Amino acid sequence: MDRIRLMTHNVWDSDENTPAWAEKGEDCSAAVRVKGLLRVYRETDPDVIGGQEFSPLMVDLLKEGLSAEGKNYTLIWGRCTPILYRPDKLDLVDSEFCTF
């Protein structure tokens, strides 16, 4: 049986650095945090990535970064909870997004 590698992250929906982080010399902006996520995905090579609290900017940056590394993921977008999967490994049979 084939294995599926699944990763999920709750990343805090905030695109800009905050003054509190800047005072500490840190940058918590979406652009910086996505670079870290890309490094993790490069090292772990997940087949499915599930996200929680992703802003549209974060999803765009993630898709661009994955594509730049030659990783092809298809996006299922449900507000701030994206799911990205590798279409070369998985066939989408059905998809529905329900809020509760």
PDB file of N, CA and C in Angstrom:
ATOM      1  N   MET A   1       0.850  -1.179   0.000  1.00  0.00           N
ATOM      2  CA  MET A   1       0.000   0.000   0.000  1.00  0.00           C
ATOM      3  C   MET A   1       0.896   1.243   0.000  1.00  0.00           C
ATOM      4  N   ASP A   2       0.516   2.235  -0.792  1.00  0.00           N
ATOM      5  CA  ASP A   2       1.245   3.497  -0.836  1.00  0.00           C
ATOM      6  C   ASP A   2       0.979   4.295   0.435  1.00  0.00           C
ATOM      7  N   ARG A   3       1.953   5.102   0.792  1.00  0.00           N
ATOM      8  CA  ARG A   3       1.815   5.972   1.952  1.00  0.00           C
ATOM      9  C   ARG A   3       1.523   7.394   1.503  1.00  0.00           C
ATOM     10  N   ILE A   4       0.798   8.108   2.325  1.00  0.00           N
ATOM     11  CA  ILE A   4       0.518   9.520   2.088  1.00  0.00           C
ATOM     12  C   ILE A   4       1.123  10.305   3.241  1.00  0.00           C
ATOM     13  N   ARG A   5       1.904  11.302   2.902  1.00  0.00           N
ATOM     14  CA  ARG A   5       2.508  12.166   3.924  1.00  0.00           C
ATOM     15  C   ARG A   5       1.639  13.413   4.043  1.00  0.00           C
ATOM     16  N   LEU A   6       1.076  13.630   5.220  1.00  0.00           N
ATOM     17  CA  LEU A   6       0.148  14.721   5.485  1.00  0.00           C
ATOM     18  C   LEU A   6       0.747  15.641   6.542  1.00  0.00           C
ATOM     19  N   MET A   7       0.696  16.951   6.286  1.00  0.00           N
ATOM     20  CA  MET A   7       1.141  17.950   7.260  1.00  0.00           C
ATOM     21  C   MET A   7       0.050  18.972   7.460  1.00  0.00           C
ATOM     22  N   THR A   8      -0.041  19.491   8.660  1.00  0.00           N
ATOM     23  CA  THR A   8      -1.002  20.548   8.925  1.00  0.00           C
ATOM     24  C   THR A   8      -0.356  21.590   9.839  1.00  0.00           C
ATOM     25  N   HIS A   9      -0.746  22.838   9.647  1.00  0.00           N
ATOM     26  CA  HIS A   9      -0.196  23.945  10.428  1.00  0.00           C
ATOM     27  C   HIS A   9      -1.286  24.946  10.769  1.00  0.00           C
ATOM     28  N   ASN A  10      -1.214  25.480  11.974  1.00  0.00           N
ATOM     29  CA  ASN A  10      -1.980  26.658  12.358  1.00  0.00           C
ATOM     30  C   ASN A  10      -0.954  27.779  12.430  1.00  0.00           C
ATOM     31  N   VAL A  11      -1.068  28.778  11.578  1.00  0.00           N
ATOM     32  CA  VAL A  11       0.021  29.737  11.407  1.00  0.00           C
ATOM     33  C   VAL A  11      -0.261  31.171  11.848  1.00  0.00           C
ATOM     34  N   TRP A  12      -1.405  31.477  12.371  1.00  0.00           N
ATOM     35  CA  TRP A  12      -1.729  32.831  12.846  1.00  0.00           C
ATOM     36  C   TRP A  12      -1.896  33.778  11.664  1.00  0.00           C
ATOM     37  N   ASP A  13      -3.108  34.102  11.359  1.00  0.00           N
ATOM     38  CA  ASP A  13      -3.467  34.956  10.225  1.00  0.00           C
ATOM     39  C   ASP A  13      -3.060  36.402  10.490  1.00  0.00           C
ATOM     40  N   SER A  14      -1.810  36.706  10.206  1.00  0.00           N
ATOM     41  CA  SER A  14      -1.293  38.067  10.332  1.00  0.00           C
ATOM     42  C   SER A  14      -0.223  38.239   9.263  1.00  0.00           C
ATOM     43  N   ASP A  15      -0.389  39.230   8.407  1.00  0.00           N
ATOM     44  CA  ASP A  15       0.543  39.430   7.299  1.00  0.00           C
ATOM     45  C   ASP A  15       1.721  40.335   7.644  1.00  0.00           C
ATOM     46  N   GLU A  16       1.543  41.236   8.586  1.00  0.00           N
ATOM     47  CA  GLU A  16       2.564  42.239   8.896  1.00  0.00           C
ATOM     48  C   GLU A  16       3.281  41.913  10.197  1.00  0.00           C
ATOM     49  N   ASN A  17       4.497  42.394  10.308  1.00  0.00           N
ATOM     50  CA  ASN A  17       5.215  42.287  11.562  1.00  0.00           C
ATOM     51  C   ASN A  17       4.508  43.158  12.604  1.00  0.00           C
ATOM     52  N   THR A  18       4.635  42.816  13.859  1.00  0.00           N
ATOM     53  CA  THR A  18       4.001  43.599  14.917  1.00  0.00           C
ATOM     54  C   THR A  18       5.076  44.378  15.680  1.00  0.00           C
ATOM     55  N   PRO A  19       4.699  45.491  16.284  1.00  0.00           N
ATOM     56  CA  PRO A  19       5.673  46.276  17.037  1.00  0.00           C
ATOM     57  C   PRO A  19       6.361  45.472  18.152  1.00  0.00           C
ATOM     58  N   ALA A  20       5.613  44.614  18.816  1.00  0.00           N
ATOM     59  CA  ALA A  20       6.196  43.821  19.903  1.00  0.00           C
ATOM     60  C   ALA A  20       7.302  42.898  19.389  1.00  0.00           C
ATOM     61  N   TRP A  21       7.085  42.298  18.225  1.00  0.00           N
ATOM     62  CA  TRP A  21       8.118  41.430  17.653  1.00  0.00           C
ATOM     63  C   TRP A  21       9.279  42.273  17.128  1.00  0.00           C
ATOM     64  N   ALA A  22       8.977  43.396  16.512  1.00  0.00           N
ATOM     65  CA  ALA A  22      10.035  44.267  15.986  1.00  0.00           C
ATOM     66  C   ALA A  22      10.937  44.764  17.114  1.00  0.00           C
ATOM     67  N   GLU A  23      10.354  45.080  18.279  1.00  0.00           N
ATOM     68  CA  GLU A  23      11.146  45.522  19.429  1.00  0.00           C
ATOM     69  C   GLU A  23      12.152  44.461  19.858  1.00  0.00           C
ATOM     70  N   LYS A  24      11.820  43.205  19.631  1.00  0.00           N
ATOM     71  CA  LYS A  24      12.715  42.096  19.994  1.00  0.00           C
ATOM     72  C   LYS A  24      13.695  41.759  18.870  1.00  0.00           C
ATOM     73  N   GLY A  25      13.603  42.514  17.768  1.00  0.00           N
ATOM     74  CA  GLY A  25      14.479  42.258  16.638  1.00  0.00           C
ATOM     75  C   GLY A  25      14.028  41.088  15.783  1.00  0.00           C
ATOM     76  N   GLU A  26      12.771  40.715  15.914  1.00  0.00           N
ATOM     77  CA  GLU A  26      12.206  39.586  15.170  1.00  0.00           C
ATOM     78  C   GLU A  26      11.219  40.089  14.127  1.00  0.00           C
ATOM     79  N   ASP A  27      10.959  39.265  13.146  1.00  0.00           N
ATOM     80  CA  ASP A  27      10.003  39.591  12.083  1.00  0.00           C
ATOM     81  C   ASP A  27       9.016  38.439  11.957  1.00  0.00           C
ATOM     82  N   CYS A  28       7.774  38.693  12.294  1.00  0.00           N
ATOM     83  CA  CYS A  28       6.741  37.656  12.212  1.00  0.00           C
ATOM     84  C   CYS A  28       5.831  37.870  11.005  1.00  0.00           C
ATOM     85  N   SER A  29       6.302  38.611  10.014  1.00  0.00           N
ATOM     86  CA  SER A  29       5.475  38.881   8.831  1.00  0.00           C
ATOM     87  C   SER A  29       5.219  37.592   8.045  1.00  0.00           C
ATOM     88  N   ALA A  30       4.182  37.626   7.247  1.00  0.00           N
ATOM     89  CA  ALA A  30       3.829  36.464   6.426  1.00  0.00           C
ATOM     90  C   ALA A  30       4.985  36.047   5.531  1.00  0.00           C
ATOM     91  N   ALA A  31       5.656  37.011   4.928  1.00  0.00           N
ATOM     92  CA  ALA A  31       6.758  36.686   4.004  1.00  0.00           C
ATOM     93  C   ALA A  31       7.864  35.906   4.706  1.00  0.00           C
ATOM     94  N   VAL A  32       8.183  36.282   5.932  1.00  0.00           N
ATOM     95  CA  VAL A  32       9.240  35.594   6.676  1.00  0.00           C
ATOM     96  C   VAL A  32       8.764  34.226   7.141  1.00  0.00           C
ATOM     97  N   ARG A  33       7.554  34.157   7.672  1.00  0.00           N
ATOM     98  CA  ARG A  33       7.055  32.871   8.168  1.00  0.00           C
ATOM     99  C   ARG A  33       6.875  31.859   7.049  1.00  0.00           C
ATOM    100  N   VAL A  34       6.438  32.296   5.876  1.00  0.00           N
ATOM    101  CA  VAL A  34       6.269  31.363   4.757  1.00  0.00           C
ATOM    102  C   VAL A  34       7.614  30.783   4.329  1.00  0.00           C
ATOM    103  N   LYS A  35       8.672  31.572   4.407  1.00  0.00           N
ATOM    104  CA  LYS A  35      10.002  31.032   4.086  1.00  0.00           C
ATOM    105  C   LYS A  35      10.332  29.844   4.996  1.00  0.00           C
ATOM    106  N   GLY A  36       9.975  29.950   6.263  1.00  0.00           N
ATOM    107  CA  GLY A  36      10.191  28.839   7.192  1.00  0.00           C
ATOM    108  C   GLY A  36       9.336  27.634   6.848  1.00  0.00           C
ATOM    109  N   LEU A  37       8.090  27.881   6.481  1.00  0.00           N
ATOM    110  CA  LEU A  37       7.216  26.774   6.078  1.00  0.00           C
ATOM    111  C   LEU A  37       7.763  26.073   4.845  1.00  0.00           C
ATOM    112  N   LEU A  38       8.244  26.862   3.891  1.00  0.00           N
ATOM    113  CA  LEU A  38       8.804  26.266   2.673  1.00  0.00           C
ATOM    114  C   LEU A  38      10.003  25.378   2.993  1.00  0.00           C
ATOM    115  N   ARG A  39      10.826  25.797   3.935  1.00  0.00           N
ATOM    116  CA  ARG A  39      11.966  24.973   4.336  1.00  0.00           C
ATOM    117  C   ARG A  39      11.482  23.643   4.927  1.00  0.00           C
ATOM    118  N   VAL A  40      10.473  23.697   5.778  1.00  0.00           N
ATOM    119  CA  VAL A  40       9.923  22.472   6.380  1.00  0.00           C
ATOM    120  C   VAL A  40       9.345  21.574   5.292  1.00  0.00           C
ATOM    121  N   TYR A  41       8.604  22.148   4.354  1.00  0.00           N
ATOM    122  CA  TYR A  41       7.994  21.338   3.289  1.00  0.00           C
ATOM    123  C   TYR A  41       9.062  20.757   2.362  1.00  0.00           C
ATOM    124  N   ARG A  42      10.117  21.495   2.134  1.00  0.00           N
ATOM    125  CA  ARG A  42      11.226  20.988   1.310  1.00  0.00           C
ATOM    126  C   ARG A  42      11.854  19.762   1.987  1.00  0.00           C
ATOM    127  N   GLU A  43      12.028  19.837   3.302  1.00  0.00           N
ATOM    128  CA  GLU A  43      12.670  18.754   4.040  1.00  0.00           C
ATOM    129  C   GLU A  43      11.766  17.541   4.244  1.00  0.00           C
ATOM    130  N   THR A  44      10.459  17.761   4.327  1.00  0.00           N
ATOM    131  CA  THR A  44       9.536  16.654   4.634  1.00  0.00           C
ATOM    132  C   THR A  44       8.764  16.142   3.428  1.00  0.00           C
ATOM    133  N   ASP A  45       8.676  16.954   2.379  1.00  0.00           N
ATOM    134  CA  ASP A  45       8.021  16.580   1.126  1.00  0.00           C
ATOM    135  C   ASP A  45       6.610  16.009   1.324  1.00  0.00           C
ATOM    136  N   PRO A  46       5.699  16.785   1.941  1.00  0.00           N
ATOM    137  CA  PRO A  46       4.353  16.266   2.171  1.00  0.00           C
ATOM    138  C   PRO A  46       3.546  16.123   0.878  1.00  0.00           C
ATOM    139  N   ASP A  47       2.644  15.158   0.872  1.00  0.00           N
ATOM    140  CA  ASP A  47       1.718  14.970  -0.248  1.00  0.00           C
ATOM    141  C   ASP A  47       0.506  15.882  -0.103  1.00  0.00           C
ATOM    142  N   VAL A  48       0.134  16.159   1.147  1.00  0.00           N
ATOM    143  CA  VAL A  48      -1.010  17.021   1.452  1.00  0.00           C
ATOM    144  C   VAL A  48      -0.576  17.996   2.539  1.00  0.00           C
ATOM    145  N   ILE A  49      -0.913  19.269   2.344  1.00  0.00           N
ATOM    146  CA  ILE A  49      -0.659  20.303   3.336  1.00  0.00           C
ATOM    147  C   ILE A  49      -2.001  20.902   3.728  1.00  0.00           C
ATOM    148  N   GLY A  50      -2.332  20.831   4.998  1.00  0.00           N
ATOM    149  CA  GLY A  50      -3.556  21.432   5.511  1.00  0.00           C
ATOM    150  C   GLY A  50      -3.198  22.651   6.334  1.00  0.00           C
ATOM    151  N   GLY A  51      -3.862  23.753   6.097  1.00  0.00           N
ATOM    152  CA  GLY A  51      -3.547  24.976   6.819  1.00  0.00           C
ATOM    153  C   GLY A  51      -4.730  25.502   7.597  1.00  0.00           C
ATOM    154  N   GLN A  52      -4.408  26.220   8.655  1.00  0.00           N
ATOM    155  CA  GLN A  52      -5.422  26.898   9.444  1.00  0.00           C
ATOM    156  C   GLN A  52      -4.899  28.290   9.741  1.00  0.00           C
ATOM    157  N   GLU A  53      -5.759  29.291   9.612  1.00  0.00           N
ATOM    158  CA  GLU A  53      -5.426  30.700   9.807  1.00  0.00           C
ATOM    159  C   GLU A  53      -4.409  31.212   8.788  1.00  0.00           C
ATOM    160  N   PHE A  54      -4.494  30.761   7.558  1.00  0.00           N
ATOM    161  CA  PHE A  54      -3.673  31.280   6.470  1.00  0.00           C
ATOM    162  C   PHE A  54      -4.404  32.448   5.826  1.00  0.00           C
ATOM    163  N   SER A  55      -3.721  33.555   5.651  1.00  0.00           N
ATOM    164  CA  SER A  55      -4.301  34.680   4.920  1.00  0.00           C
ATOM    165  C   SER A  55      -4.158  34.407   3.427  1.00  0.00           C
ATOM    166  N   PRO A  56      -4.934  35.099   2.593  1.00  0.00           N
ATOM    167  CA  PRO A  56      -4.745  34.946   1.150  1.00  0.00           C
ATOM    168  C   PRO A  56      -3.306  35.248   0.714  1.00  0.00           C
ATOM    169  N   LEU A  57      -2.662  36.255   1.323  1.00  0.00           N
ATOM    170  CA  LEU A  57      -1.271  36.564   0.991  1.00  0.00           C
ATOM    171  C   LEU A  57      -0.366  35.375   1.310  1.00  0.00           C
ATOM    172  N   MET A  58      -0.562  34.753   2.456  1.00  0.00           N
ATOM    173  CA  MET A  58       0.271  33.613   2.836  1.00  0.00           C
ATOM    174  C   MET A  58       0.102  32.459   1.851  1.00  0.00           C
ATOM    175  N   VAL A  59      -1.125  32.220   1.431  1.00  0.00           N
ATOM    176  CA  VAL A  59      -1.364  31.140   0.467  1.00  0.00           C
ATOM    177  C   VAL A  59      -0.690  31.459  -0.857  1.00  0.00           C
ATOM    178  N   ASP A  60      -0.799  32.713  -1.311  1.00  0.00           N
ATOM    179  CA  ASP A  60      -0.132  33.112  -2.555  1.00  0.00           C
ATOM    180  C   ASP A  60       1.382  32.924  -2.453  1.00  0.00           C
ATOM    181  N   LEU A  61       1.960  33.386  -1.353  1.00  0.00           N
ATOM    182  CA  LEU A  61       3.409  33.245  -1.165  1.00  0.00           C
ATOM    183  C   LEU A  61       3.817  31.776  -1.110  1.00  0.00           C
ATOM    184  N   LEU A  62       3.007  30.969  -0.460  1.00  0.00           N
ATOM    185  CA  LEU A  62       3.302  29.542  -0.356  1.00  0.00           C
ATOM    186  C   LEU A  62       3.249  28.873  -1.722  1.00  0.00           C
ATOM    187  N   LYS A  63       2.193  29.142  -2.483  1.00  0.00           N
ATOM    188  CA  LYS A  63       2.068  28.556  -3.827  1.00  0.00           C
ATOM    189  C   LYS A  63       3.234  29.000  -4.718  1.00  0.00           C
ATOM    190  N   GLU A  64       3.576  30.295  -4.677  1.00  0.00           N
ATOM    191  CA  GLU A  64       4.692  30.807  -5.480  1.00  0.00           C
ATOM    192  C   GLU A  64       5.999  30.131  -5.078  1.00  0.00           C
ATOM    193  N   GLY A  65       6.229  30.001  -3.782  1.00  0.00           N
ATOM    194  CA  GLY A  65       7.459  29.381  -3.301  1.00  0.00           C
ATOM    195  C   GLY A  65       7.550  27.916  -3.667  1.00  0.00           C
ATOM    196  N   LEU A  66       6.451  27.192  -3.544  1.00  0.00           N
ATOM    197  CA  LEU A  66       6.443  25.777  -3.920  1.00  0.00           C
ATOM    198  C   LEU A  66       6.692  25.620  -5.413  1.00  0.00           C
ATOM    199  N   SER A  67       6.037  26.453  -6.213  1.00  0.00           N
ATOM    200  CA  SER A  67       6.227  26.392  -7.670  1.00  0.00           C
ATOM    201  C   SER A  67       7.666  26.705  -8.051  1.00  0.00           C
ATOM    202  N   ALA A  68       8.266  27.690  -7.389  1.00  0.00           N
ATOM    203  CA  ALA A  68       9.653  28.063  -7.685  1.00  0.00           C
ATOM    204  C   ALA A  68      10.612  26.913  -7.393  1.00  0.00           C
ATOM    205  N   GLU A  69      10.231  26.040  -6.470  1.00  0.00           N
ATOM    206  CA  GLU A  69      11.061  24.884  -6.131  1.00  0.00           C
ATOM    207  C   GLU A  69      10.688  23.647  -6.953  1.00  0.00           C
ATOM    208  N   GLY A  70       9.796  23.838  -7.939  1.00  0.00           N
ATOM    209  CA  GLY A  70       9.405  22.727  -8.799  1.00  0.00           C
ATOM    210  C   GLY A  70       8.393  21.790  -8.172  1.00  0.00           C
ATOM    211  N   LYS A  71       7.742  22.242  -7.118  1.00  0.00           N
ATOM    212  CA  LYS A  71       6.725  21.426  -6.443  1.00  0.00           C
ATOM    213  C   LYS A  71       5.346  21.847  -6.946  1.00  0.00           C
ATOM    214  N   ASN A  72       4.628  20.906  -7.522  1.00  0.00           N
ATOM    215  CA  ASN A  72       3.315  21.191  -8.072  1.00  0.00           C
ATOM    216  C   ASN A  72       2.242  20.761  -7.077  1.00  0.00           C
ATOM    217  N   TYR A  73       1.533  21.726  -6.516  1.00  0.00           N
ATOM    218  CA  TYR A  73       0.423  21.464  -5.607  1.00  0.00           C
ATOM    219  C   TYR A  73      -0.833  22.105  -6.155  1.00  0.00           C
ATOM    220  N   THR A  74      -1.945  21.430  -5.979  1.00  0.00           N
ATOM    221  CA  THR A  74      -3.248  21.988  -6.315  1.00  0.00           C
ATOM    222  C   THR A  74      -3.869  22.519  -5.035  1.00  0.00           C
ATOM    223  N   LEU A  75      -4.534  23.667  -5.134  1.00  0.00           N
ATOM    224  CA  LEU A  75      -5.098  24.340  -3.972  1.00  0.00           C
ATOM    225  C   LEU A  75      -6.603  24.149  -3.908  1.00  0.00           C
ATOM    226  N   ILE A  76      -7.066  23.748  -2.735  1.00  0.00           N
ATOM    227  CA  ILE A  76      -8.486  23.793  -2.394  1.00  0.00           C
ATOM    228  C   ILE A  76      -8.588  24.875  -1.333  1.00  0.00           C
ATOM    229  N   TRP A  77      -9.300  25.957  -1.635  1.00  0.00           N
ATOM    230  CA  TRP A  77      -9.308  27.115  -0.763  1.00  0.00           C
ATOM    231  C   TRP A  77     -10.647  27.248  -0.069  1.00  0.00           C
ATOM    232  N   GLY A  78     -10.642  27.231   1.264  1.00  0.00           N
ATOM    233  CA  GLY A  78     -11.852  27.438   2.046  1.00  0.00           C
ATOM    234  C   GLY A  78     -11.606  28.493   3.095  1.00  0.00           C
ATOM    235  N   ARG A  79     -11.848  29.727   2.721  1.00  0.00           N
ATOM    236  CA  ARG A  79     -11.570  30.870   3.591  1.00  0.00           C
ATOM    237  C   ARG A  79     -10.133  30.827   4.080  1.00  0.00           C
ATOM    238  N   CYS A  80      -9.902  30.646   5.363  1.00  0.00           N
ATOM    239  CA  CYS A  80      -8.522  30.666   5.879  1.00  0.00           C
ATOM    240  C   CYS A  80      -7.986  29.257   6.159  1.00  0.00           C
ATOM    241  N   THR A  81      -8.593  28.260   5.535  1.00  0.00           N
ATOM    242  CA  THR A  81      -8.173  26.872   5.771  1.00  0.00           C
ATOM    243  C   THR A  81      -7.856  26.169   4.446  1.00  0.00           C
ATOM    244  N   PRO A  82      -6.724  26.516   3.843  1.00  0.00           N
ATOM    245  CA  PRO A  82      -6.386  25.906   2.559  1.00  0.00           C
ATOM    246  C   PRO A  82      -5.931  24.458   2.716  1.00  0.00           C
ATOM    247  N   ILE A  83      -6.167  23.693   1.682  1.00  0.00           N
ATOM    248  CA  ILE A  83      -5.594  22.355   1.555  1.00  0.00           C
ATOM    249  C   ILE A  83      -4.871  22.334   0.218  1.00  0.00           C
ATOM    250  N   LEU A  84      -3.617  21.951   0.245  1.00  0.00           N
ATOM    251  CA  LEU A  84      -2.834  21.804  -0.971  1.00  0.00           C
ATOM    252  C   LEU A  84      -2.462  20.338  -1.100  1.00  0.00           C
ATOM    253  N   TYR A  85      -2.589  19.803  -2.298  1.00  0.00           N
ATOM    254  CA  TYR A  85      -2.227  18.393  -2.488  1.00  0.00           C
ATOM    255  C   TYR A  85      -1.481  18.228  -3.799  1.00  0.00           C
ATOM    256  N   ARG A  86      -0.715  17.148  -3.859  1.00  0.00           N
ATOM    257  CA  ARG A  86       0.079  16.852  -5.053  1.00  0.00           C
ATOM    258  C   ARG A  86      -0.759  16.025  -6.027  1.00  0.00           C
ATOM    259  N   PRO A  87      -1.151  16.613  -7.159  1.00  0.00           N
ATOM    260  CA  PRO A  87      -1.996  15.887  -8.111  1.00  0.00           C
ATOM    261  C   PRO A  87      -1.270  14.735  -8.809  1.00  0.00           C
ATOM    262  N   ASP A  88       0.065  14.708  -8.727  1.00  0.00           N
ATOM    263  CA  ASP A  88       0.790  13.584  -9.313  1.00  0.00           C
ATOM    264  C   ASP A  88       0.710  12.341  -8.421  1.00  0.00           C
ATOM    265  N   LYS A  89       0.272  12.527  -7.160  1.00  0.00           N
ATOM    266  CA  LYS A  89       0.180  11.408  -6.233  1.00  0.00           C
ATOM    267  C   LYS A  89      -1.245  11.081  -5.825  1.00  0.00           C
ATOM    268  N   LEU A  90      -2.147  12.060  -5.929  1.00  0.00           N
ATOM    269  CA  LEU A  90      -3.512  11.890  -5.444  1.00  0.00           C
ATOM    270  C   LEU A  90      -4.511  12.384  -6.476  1.00  0.00           C
ATOM    271  N   ASP A  91      -5.633  11.706  -6.559  1.00  0.00           N
ATOM    272  CA  ASP A  91      -6.743  12.140  -7.403  1.00  0.00           C
ATOM    273  C   ASP A  91      -7.851  12.671  -6.517  1.00  0.00           C
ATOM    274  N   LEU A  92      -8.278  13.893  -6.765  1.00  0.00           N
ATOM    275  CA  LEU A  92      -9.383  14.469  -6.006  1.00  0.00           C
ATOM    276  C   LEU A  92     -10.683  13.856  -6.498  1.00  0.00           C
ATOM    277  N   VAL A  93     -11.414  13.247  -5.606  1.00  0.00           N
ATOM    278  CA  VAL A  93     -12.680  12.614  -5.961  1.00  0.00           C
ATOM    279  C   VAL A  93     -13.837  13.573  -5.693  1.00  0.00           C
ATOM    280  N   ASP A  94     -13.778  14.290  -4.590  1.00  0.00           N
ATOM    281  CA  ASP A  94     -14.857  15.199  -4.235  1.00  0.00           C
ATOM    282  C   ASP A  94     -14.290  16.244  -3.287  1.00  0.00           C
ATOM    283  N   SER A  95     -14.917  17.401  -3.231  1.00  0.00           N
ATOM    284  CA  SER A  95     -14.469  18.448  -2.339  1.00  0.00           C
ATOM    285  C   SER A  95     -15.664  19.303  -1.920  1.00  0.00           C
ATOM    286  N   GLU A  96     -15.704  19.624  -0.649  1.00  0.00           N
ATOM    287  CA  GLU A  96     -16.762  20.502  -0.147  1.00  0.00           C
ATOM    288  C   GLU A  96     -16.219  21.245   1.059  1.00  0.00           C
ATOM    289  N   PHE A  97     -16.552  22.502   1.182  1.00  0.00           N
ATOM    290  CA  PHE A  97     -16.130  23.299   2.329  1.00  0.00           C
ATOM    291  C   PHE A  97     -17.372  23.712   3.087  1.00  0.00           C
ATOM    292  N   CYS A  98     -17.446  23.341   4.349  1.00  0.00           N
ATOM    293  CA  CYS A  98     -18.603  23.669   5.183  1.00  0.00           C
ATOM    294  C   CYS A  98     -18.143  24.439   6.401  1.00  0.00           C
ATOM    295  N   THR A  99     -18.809  25.523   6.705  1.00  0.00           N
ATOM    296  CA  THR A  99     -18.507  26.267   7.934  1.00  0.00           C
ATOM    297  C   THR A  99     -19.467  25.814   9.024  1.00  0.00           C
ATOM    298  N   PHE A 100     -18.968  25.867  10.231  1.00  0.00           N
ATOM    299  CA  PHE A 100     -19.834  25.517  11.357  1.00  0.00           C
ATOM    300  C   PHE A 100     -19.483  26.332  12.560  1.00  0.00           C
TER     301      PHE A 100
END
